[in-house]
Amino acid sequence: MTPAQQPNAIIIGGSLSGLFVANTLRSIGWNVDIYERSPAALDSRGGGVVLQPEVLTAFKFSGIEPDQAVGVRSHNRTVLNRRGDTRSKQYAPQTQTSWNTIYHHLYQALPEHHYHRGKTFTHFEQDGDTVVAYFQDGTSVRGDLLIGADGGHSQVRQQVLPGVVPSYSGYVVWRGLVEEPRLSETSKALIYEDFVFQPDAESLMLEYMVPGVDGASDVQRRRFNWLWYLKAAPGPELDAILTDKNGCRREHSIPPGAIAPEQARRFIERAREQINPAFLELIELTEDIFVQSILDLKVPRMVFDRVLLLGDAAFIPRPHTAGSTAKAAHNAVSLAKALAGHDDLSTALKRWEVSALQEGTAMSDWGIDMGNRIMNITA
């Protein structure tokens, strides 16, 4: 098949979902182009990620062979109380990685000229077997398939499902990363190379180790990744948390370095009252704490003729499932397999949609049930 005969995919969104599907479609002979609204590189975002098998499957399917370990192994699942006493310890090995480690491998596998920055998608038009995407700068591009991989606040979804938007769960997650050498030996003795939790009546804090900023998994080059889930009532309380240091009320998250000083002070004061000493040291060592509201999203459809939704543009599972990145990877592999196995694009997309909807709904429902039980929220 010559380049002119290859089908073309327009991918809106250059984060993990977009990169997963770009690489899997390239592996079956498609031409792909990613259009990302940010003019800068998407790096060091999101913190830690539990490394699920679906991610490694997507790497293998796309021919990506990492030249070093892509994660850090934990040995036990440990539960601590507020004093730092061990309530339980169970051998349960697993591997954790980081957002930027996965992003680096996916981005490096895609030829640079197929990744277009500073391209804000506005709308699309379909014309028979083709679709045209339009951008804020006045340019447009035509392809055989348009993929909305532009996250929970997807502009593609707004056009095909204008009434479907994420809903707030009732709680937020505060997050941070600390370089391994900075933590005291006393604290390391409690949490080192384990997946560690401190559950309370209406909150949950946890910690695990992830690769360094450069993806290194060697001892002393890794990072401790922590998360603390706390309730925040919609209205004044949530508004205050999501108002940054410049007085701007962000939509759903405050990035590293932008937390308002008063909110950071209140958060640390609460940690000093509730959190065990090892976890408290992590919080106090964190230079750039960030916070995200926990959202829910489920779509009734994912395919709209030659347009489809993928990843968090379709379903946002609660983070307790450790499934958001895995879902994006699985969506991409299953889509590539479906397209490779059928000559008729419409038939392939419809068959893919059936299983993708079932899997997304099941994961979302599971996450909602688990999160509400953890946080003692009555639906």
Protein backbone atom coordinates (compact mmCIF):
# COMPACT_ATOMS: atom_id res chain seq x y z
CA MET A 1 0.00 0.00 0.00
CA THR A 2 1.44 3.39 -1.01
CA PRO A 3 1.23 6.41 1.34
CA ALA A 4 -1.47 7.88 -0.87
CA GLN A 5 -3.58 4.74 -0.42
CA GLN A 6 -3.20 4.58 3.36
CA PRO A 7 -6.24 5.70 5.39
CA ASN A 8 -5.78 8.86 7.45
CA ALA A 9 -6.72 9.44 11.08
CA ILE A 10 -7.06 12.92 12.58
CA ILE A 11 -6.42 12.68 16.32
CA ILE A 12 -7.55 15.55 18.53
CA GLY A 13 -5.54 15.58 21.76
CA GLY A 14 -1.86 14.86 22.25
CA SER A 15 -1.83 13.36 25.74
CA LEU A 16 -1.66 9.63 26.50
CA SER A 17 -4.92 8.61 24.79
CA GLY A 18 -3.97 10.39 21.58
CA LEU A 19 -0.46 8.97 21.59
CA PHE A 20 -1.64 5.43 22.31
CA VAL A 21 -4.05 5.42 19.38
CA ALA A 22 -1.61 7.19 17.06
CA ASN A 23 1.01 4.50 17.63
CA THR A 24 -1.37 1.53 17.40
CA LEU A 25 -2.93 2.80 14.16
CA ARG A 26 0.49 3.44 12.64
CA SER A 27 1.35 -0.18 13.38
CA ILE A 28 -1.51 -1.37 11.11
CA GLY A 29 -0.57 0.95 8.26
CA TRP A 30 -2.60 4.09 8.91
CA ASN A 31 -1.35 7.64 8.44
CA VAL A 32 -1.92 9.57 11.67
CA ASP A 33 -1.62 13.17 12.76
CA ILE A 34 -2.10 14.46 16.30
CA TYR A 35 -3.40 17.98 16.92
CA GLU A 36 -2.68 19.25 20.44
CA ARG A 37 -3.92 22.63 21.66
CA SER A 38 -1.01 23.28 24.01
CA PRO A 39 1.93 25.00 22.31
CA ALA A 40 4.36 23.50 24.82
CA ALA A 41 5.42 19.93 25.54
CA LEU A 42 3.11 18.04 27.89
CA ASP A 43 5.63 16.92 30.48
CA SER A 44 5.73 16.00 34.18
CA ARG A 45 1.96 16.00 34.48
CA GLY A 46 -0.30 13.74 36.49
CA GLY A 47 2.22 12.14 38.83
CA GLY A 48 2.18 8.40 39.42
CA VAL A 49 0.38 5.66 37.52
CA VAL A 50 -0.06 1.98 38.40
CA LEU A 51 1.45 0.08 35.47
CA GLN A 52 -1.29 -2.20 34.16
CA PRO A 53 -0.75 -5.00 31.59
CA GLU A 54 -2.78 -3.09 28.98
CA VAL A 55 -0.05 -0.43 28.76
CA LEU A 56 2.67 -3.00 28.07
CA THR A 57 0.38 -4.70 25.52
CA ALA A 58 -0.04 -1.38 23.70
CA PHE A 59 3.72 -0.86 23.71
CA LYS A 60 4.30 -4.30 22.23
CA PHE A 61 1.53 -3.89 19.65
CA SER A 62 3.11 -0.60 18.55
CA GLY A 63 6.64 -1.99 18.45
CA ILE A 64 7.82 0.16 21.37
CA GLU A 65 10.71 -1.48 23.21
CA PRO A 66 11.81 0.56 26.25
CA ASP A 67 15.56 0.59 26.83
CA GLN A 68 15.11 0.52 30.60
CA ALA A 69 12.57 -0.54 33.21
CA VAL A 70 9.39 1.51 32.87
CA GLY A 71 8.38 1.24 36.50
CA VAL A 72 9.25 0.67 40.13
CA ARG A 73 8.28 -2.56 41.87
CA SER A 74 6.42 -2.51 45.18
CA HIS A 75 6.36 -5.57 47.41
CA ASN A 76 3.61 -5.27 50.00
CA ARG A 77 0.29 -3.54 50.52
CA THR A 78 0.69 -1.91 53.92
CA VAL A 79 -1.91 -0.09 56.00
CA LEU A 80 -0.81 2.44 58.64
CA ASN A 81 -2.82 4.28 61.27
CA ARG A 82 -2.45 7.94 62.20
CA ARG A 83 0.42 7.21 64.58
CA GLY A 84 2.33 5.30 61.92
CA ASP A 85 1.69 1.86 63.42
CA THR A 86 1.31 -0.98 60.92
CA ARG A 87 -2.27 -2.26 60.93
CA SER A 88 -1.68 -4.83 58.20
CA LYS A 89 0.91 -5.91 55.64
CA GLN A 90 0.15 -8.24 52.75
CA TYR A 91 2.53 -9.42 50.06
CA ALA A 92 1.07 -8.08 46.80
CA PRO A 93 3.79 -7.17 44.29
CA GLN A 94 2.97 -4.74 41.51
CA THR A 95 4.69 -2.09 39.40
CA GLN A 96 4.13 1.65 39.38
CA THR A 97 5.26 4.12 36.75
CA SER A 98 4.62 7.79 36.02
CA TRP A 99 2.66 9.82 33.50
CA ASN A 100 5.77 11.35 32.00
CA THR A 101 7.53 7.98 31.65
CA ILE A 102 4.66 6.58 29.54
CA TYR A 103 4.35 9.84 27.63
CA HIS A 104 8.07 9.85 26.79
CA HIS A 105 8.00 6.36 25.28
CA LEU A 106 4.86 7.01 23.25
CA TYR A 107 6.01 10.41 22.03
CA GLN A 108 9.46 9.18 21.00
CA ALA A 109 7.88 6.40 18.92
CA LEU A 110 5.91 8.89 16.80
CA PRO A 111 7.72 10.85 14.07
CA GLU A 112 7.87 14.47 15.19
CA HIS A 113 6.20 15.87 12.07
CA HIS A 114 3.01 13.95 12.92
CA TYR A 115 2.55 15.82 16.23
CA HIS A 116 1.18 19.36 15.77
CA ARG A 117 1.25 21.72 18.77
CA GLY A 118 -0.75 24.89 19.33
CA LYS A 119 -3.72 23.58 17.31
CA THR A 120 -7.02 24.35 19.04
CA PHE A 121 -9.85 22.27 17.56
CA THR A 122 -13.13 24.13 17.02
CA HIS A 123 -15.44 21.79 15.10
CA PHE A 124 -15.73 19.16 12.40
CA GLU A 125 -17.86 18.48 9.33
CA GLN A 126 -18.55 15.10 7.77
CA ASP A 127 -18.86 14.63 4.03
CA GLY A 128 -19.63 11.11 2.93
CA ASP A 129 -16.67 8.91 3.79
CA THR A 130 -14.43 11.76 4.97
CA VAL A 131 -14.35 14.17 7.89
CA VAL A 132 -12.86 17.66 8.05
CA ALA A 133 -11.47 19.14 11.29
CA TYR A 134 -11.27 22.92 11.71
CA PHE A 135 -8.92 24.81 14.02
CA GLN A 136 -8.90 28.18 15.72
CA ASP A 137 -6.05 29.44 13.54
CA GLY A 138 -8.23 29.11 10.43
CA THR A 139 -6.66 25.91 9.12
CA SER A 140 -8.44 22.63 8.40
CA VAL A 141 -7.49 19.04 7.64
CA ARG A 142 -9.36 16.20 5.94
CA GLY A 143 -9.18 12.51 6.89
CA ASP A 144 -10.97 9.19 6.89
CA LEU A 145 -11.49 9.15 10.65
CA LEU A 146 -11.52 11.77 13.42
CA ILE A 147 -10.69 10.56 16.93
CA GLY A 148 -11.62 12.65 19.95
CA ALA A 149 -8.86 11.80 22.42
CA ASP A 150 -8.97 15.22 24.05
CA GLY A 151 -9.78 14.24 27.62
CA GLY A 152 -12.61 14.81 30.03
CA HIS A 153 -13.42 18.25 28.68
CA SER A 154 -13.39 17.08 25.07
CA GLN A 155 -14.30 19.62 22.41
CA VAL A 156 -15.12 16.75 20.06
CA ARG A 157 -17.61 15.33 22.58
CA GLN A 158 -19.22 18.75 22.97
CA GLN A 159 -20.15 18.63 19.29
CA VAL A 160 -21.48 15.06 19.14
CA LEU A 161 -22.97 14.88 22.66
CA PRO A 162 -23.51 18.50 23.76
CA GLY A 163 -25.43 17.61 26.91
CA VAL A 164 -22.94 15.06 28.24
CA VAL A 165 -20.41 16.60 30.65
CA PRO A 166 -18.38 15.32 33.63
CA SER A 167 -20.04 15.49 37.05
CA TYR A 168 -18.31 16.21 40.36
CA SER A 169 -18.05 13.26 42.75
CA GLY A 170 -17.96 15.19 46.03
CA TYR A 171 -14.24 14.91 46.75
CA VAL A 172 -10.83 15.99 45.52
CA VAL A 173 -7.34 14.51 45.52
CA TRP A 174 -4.28 16.42 46.73
CA ARG A 175 -1.06 15.12 45.18
CA GLY A 176 2.69 15.48 45.22
CA LEU A 177 6.06 13.92 44.39
CA VAL A 178 9.23 13.80 46.49
CA GLU A 179 12.70 12.77 45.32
CA GLU A 180 13.84 9.54 47.00
CA PRO A 181 17.05 10.88 48.64
CA ARG A 182 15.15 13.64 50.46
CA LEU A 183 13.07 11.38 52.71
CA SER A 184 14.48 10.50 56.15
CA GLU A 185 15.56 6.97 56.93
CA THR A 186 12.97 6.84 59.71
CA SER A 187 10.14 7.45 57.25
CA LYS A 188 11.62 5.16 54.62
CA ALA A 189 11.55 2.30 57.13
CA LEU A 190 7.74 2.55 57.17
CA ILE A 191 6.94 2.98 53.49
CA TYR A 192 9.95 2.10 51.32
CA GLU A 193 9.09 0.09 48.17
CA ASP A 194 5.60 -0.72 49.44
CA PHE A 195 2.15 0.44 48.36
CA VAL A 196 1.03 2.12 51.58
CA PHE A 197 -2.37 3.38 52.72
CA GLN A 198 -3.80 5.36 55.61
CA PRO A 199 -7.60 5.03 55.51
CA ASP A 200 -9.86 7.15 57.72
CA ALA A 201 -13.61 7.50 58.04
CA GLU A 202 -13.99 9.93 55.12
CA SER A 203 -10.54 10.16 53.56
CA LEU A 204 -7.76 8.03 52.17
CA MET A 205 -4.07 8.78 51.77
CA LEU A 206 -1.72 6.49 49.90
CA GLU A 207 1.86 6.39 48.64
CA TYR A 208 4.01 4.43 46.23
CA MET A 209 7.32 4.87 44.44
CA VAL A 210 7.62 5.83 40.76
CA PRO A 211 10.49 6.51 38.35
CA GLY A 212 12.37 9.78 38.43
CA VAL A 213 11.58 12.72 36.17
CA ASP A 214 13.99 11.26 33.60
CA GLY A 215 12.33 7.84 33.82
CA ALA A 216 15.15 6.34 35.88
CA SER A 217 14.18 3.45 38.17
CA ASP A 218 17.55 3.10 39.92
CA VAL A 219 17.76 3.42 43.70
CA GLN A 220 18.15 7.06 44.80
CA ARG A 221 16.85 8.32 41.44
CA ARG A 222 13.19 7.47 42.02
CA ARG A 223 10.37 9.48 43.58
CA PHE A 224 7.71 8.95 46.22
CA ASN A 225 4.25 9.67 44.81
CA TRP A 226 1.49 10.49 47.31
CA LEU A 227 -2.26 11.15 47.06
CA TRP A 228 -4.77 12.26 49.70
CA TYR A 229 -8.49 12.05 48.91
CA LEU A 230 -10.58 14.54 50.89
CA LYS A 231 -14.21 15.58 50.71
CA ALA A 232 -14.97 19.08 49.46
CA ALA A 233 -18.56 20.28 49.28
CA PRO A 234 -19.63 21.89 45.99
CA GLY A 235 -19.99 25.64 46.40
CA PRO A 236 -17.75 27.89 48.52
CA GLU A 237 -15.51 25.08 49.83
CA LEU A 238 -14.71 23.64 46.42
CA ASP A 239 -14.46 27.12 44.88
CA ALA A 240 -11.80 28.09 47.45
CA ILE A 241 -9.73 24.96 46.80
CA LEU A 242 -9.84 25.47 43.02
CA THR A 243 -8.98 29.18 43.12
CA ASP A 244 -5.29 29.54 42.33
CA LYS A 245 -2.68 31.89 43.77
CA ASN A 246 -3.62 34.54 41.20
CA GLY A 247 -7.28 34.51 42.23
CA CYS A 248 -8.44 32.58 39.15
CA ARG A 249 -11.11 29.93 39.76
CA ARG A 250 -9.85 26.93 37.77
CA GLU A 251 -12.38 24.53 36.29
CA HIS A 252 -11.32 21.23 37.83
CA SER A 253 -7.67 21.30 38.95
CA ILE A 254 -4.82 23.46 40.19
CA PRO A 255 -1.48 22.54 38.58
CA PRO A 256 1.83 22.23 40.49
CA GLY A 257 3.06 25.56 41.78
CA ALA A 258 -0.28 27.37 41.48
CA ILE A 259 -2.01 26.48 44.79
CA ALA A 260 -3.16 29.55 46.73
CA PRO A 261 -0.96 30.03 49.85
CA GLU A 262 -3.96 30.05 52.20
CA GLN A 263 -5.23 26.74 50.80
CA ALA A 264 -1.78 25.18 51.07
CA ARG A 265 -1.52 26.36 54.70
CA ARG A 266 -4.91 24.88 55.61
CA PHE A 267 -4.08 21.63 53.87
CA ILE A 268 -0.78 21.21 55.74
CA GLU A 269 -2.42 22.09 59.06
CA ARG A 270 -5.00 19.36 58.47
CA ALA A 271 -2.25 16.91 57.57
CA ARG A 272 -0.46 17.64 60.83
CA GLU A 273 -3.64 16.71 62.70
CA GLN A 274 -4.56 13.54 60.79
CA ILE A 275 -1.62 12.02 58.93
CA ASN A 276 1.04 9.58 60.14
CA PRO A 277 4.63 10.91 60.47
CA ALA A 278 6.03 9.30 57.31
CA PHE A 279 3.21 10.59 55.13
CA LEU A 280 3.37 14.00 56.82
CA GLU A 281 7.06 14.26 55.97
CA LEU A 282 6.23 13.58 52.32
CA ILE A 283 3.66 16.38 52.32
CA GLU A 284 5.98 18.85 54.01
CA LEU A 285 8.83 18.03 51.61
CA THR A 286 6.67 18.53 48.52
CA GLU A 287 7.59 21.74 46.73
CA ASP A 288 4.65 21.85 44.32
CA ILE A 289 1.47 20.28 45.68
CA PHE A 290 -1.38 20.05 43.19
CA VAL A 291 -5.07 19.24 43.51
CA GLN A 292 -7.71 17.76 41.22
CA SER A 293 -11.44 17.32 41.62
CA ILE A 294 -12.63 13.75 41.12
CA LEU A 295 -15.04 13.55 38.20
CA ASP A 296 -17.38 10.99 36.69
CA LEU A 297 -18.25 10.68 33.00
CA LYS A 298 -20.07 8.02 30.98
CA VAL A 299 -21.18 8.41 27.37
CA PRO A 300 -24.08 6.55 25.71
CA ARG A 301 -22.23 6.36 22.38
CA MET A 302 -18.64 6.44 21.18
CA VAL A 303 -18.98 6.30 17.39
CA PHE A 304 -20.67 8.93 15.20
CA ASP A 305 -20.17 7.85 11.58
CA ARG A 306 -16.50 8.77 10.92
CA VAL A 307 -15.96 10.35 14.36
CA LEU A 308 -15.27 8.51 17.59
CA LEU A 309 -14.50 9.23 21.25
CA LEU A 310 -11.71 7.45 23.08
CA GLY A 311 -10.15 7.40 26.56
CA ASP A 312 -11.29 10.04 29.06
CA ALA A 313 -13.25 11.83 26.33
CA ALA A 314 -15.72 8.95 26.69
CA PHE A 315 -15.33 7.58 30.22
CA ILE A 316 -13.59 8.97 33.29
CA PRO A 317 -13.14 6.17 35.82
CA ARG A 318 -12.41 7.01 39.45
CA PRO A 319 -8.66 6.83 40.15
CA HIS A 320 -9.18 4.02 42.69
CA THR A 321 -9.58 1.68 39.72
CA ALA A 322 -6.03 2.53 38.55
CA GLY A 323 -7.68 2.14 35.17
CA SER A 324 -7.68 5.43 33.26
CA THR A 325 -4.35 4.92 31.48
CA ALA A 326 -5.02 1.20 31.00
CA LYS A 327 -8.42 2.01 29.48
CA ALA A 328 -6.85 4.41 26.99
CA ALA A 329 -4.27 1.80 26.03
CA HIS A 330 -6.88 -0.94 25.64
CA ASN A 331 -9.19 1.33 23.61
CA ALA A 332 -6.32 2.02 21.21
CA VAL A 333 -5.26 -1.61 20.76
CA SER A 334 -8.81 -2.90 20.36
CA LEU A 335 -9.58 -0.16 17.83
CA ALA A 336 -6.50 -1.00 15.77
CA LYS A 337 -7.38 -4.70 15.80
CA ALA A 338 -10.95 -3.95 14.76
CA LEU A 339 -9.85 -1.75 11.86
CA ALA A 340 -7.19 -4.20 10.74
CA GLY A 341 -9.68 -7.05 10.68
CA HIS A 342 -12.37 -5.48 8.46
CA ASP A 343 -12.35 -3.77 5.07
CA ASP A 344 -15.54 -1.85 5.84
CA LEU A 345 -14.71 1.00 8.21
CA SER A 346 -18.27 1.60 9.41
CA THR A 347 -18.80 -2.05 10.32
CA ALA A 348 -15.46 -2.20 12.15
CA LEU A 349 -16.26 0.92 14.18
CA LYS A 350 -19.70 -0.33 15.18
CA ARG A 351 -18.30 -3.66 16.38
CA TRP A 352 -15.55 -1.88 18.33
CA GLU A 353 -18.07 0.44 19.95
CA VAL A 354 -20.12 -2.40 21.45
CA SER A 355 -17.28 -3.80 23.55
CA ALA A 356 -15.73 -0.40 24.30
CA LEU A 357 -19.03 0.87 25.72
CA GLN A 358 -19.50 -2.23 27.86
CA GLU A 359 -15.97 -2.08 29.24
CA GLY A 360 -16.08 1.67 29.90
CA THR A 361 -19.44 1.49 31.67
CA ALA A 362 -18.36 -1.44 33.84
CA MET A 363 -15.13 0.29 34.92
CA SER A 364 -16.90 3.57 35.65
CA ASP A 365 -19.62 1.91 37.71
CA TRP A 366 -17.04 -0.09 39.65
CA GLY A 367 -15.02 3.04 40.38
CA ILE A 368 -18.04 5.02 41.53
CA ASP A 369 -19.10 2.25 43.91
CA MET A 370 -15.58 1.85 45.30
CA GLY A 371 -14.94 5.58 45.66
CA ASN A 372 -18.24 6.25 47.41
CA ARG A 373 -17.58 3.44 49.88
CA ILE A 374 -14.04 4.70 50.57
CA MET A 375 -15.23 8.26 51.14
CA ASN A 376 -18.47 7.29 52.90
CA ILE A 377 -20.62 9.05 50.33
CA THR A 378 -24.27 8.05 50.03
CA ALA A 379 -25.37 8.14 46.41
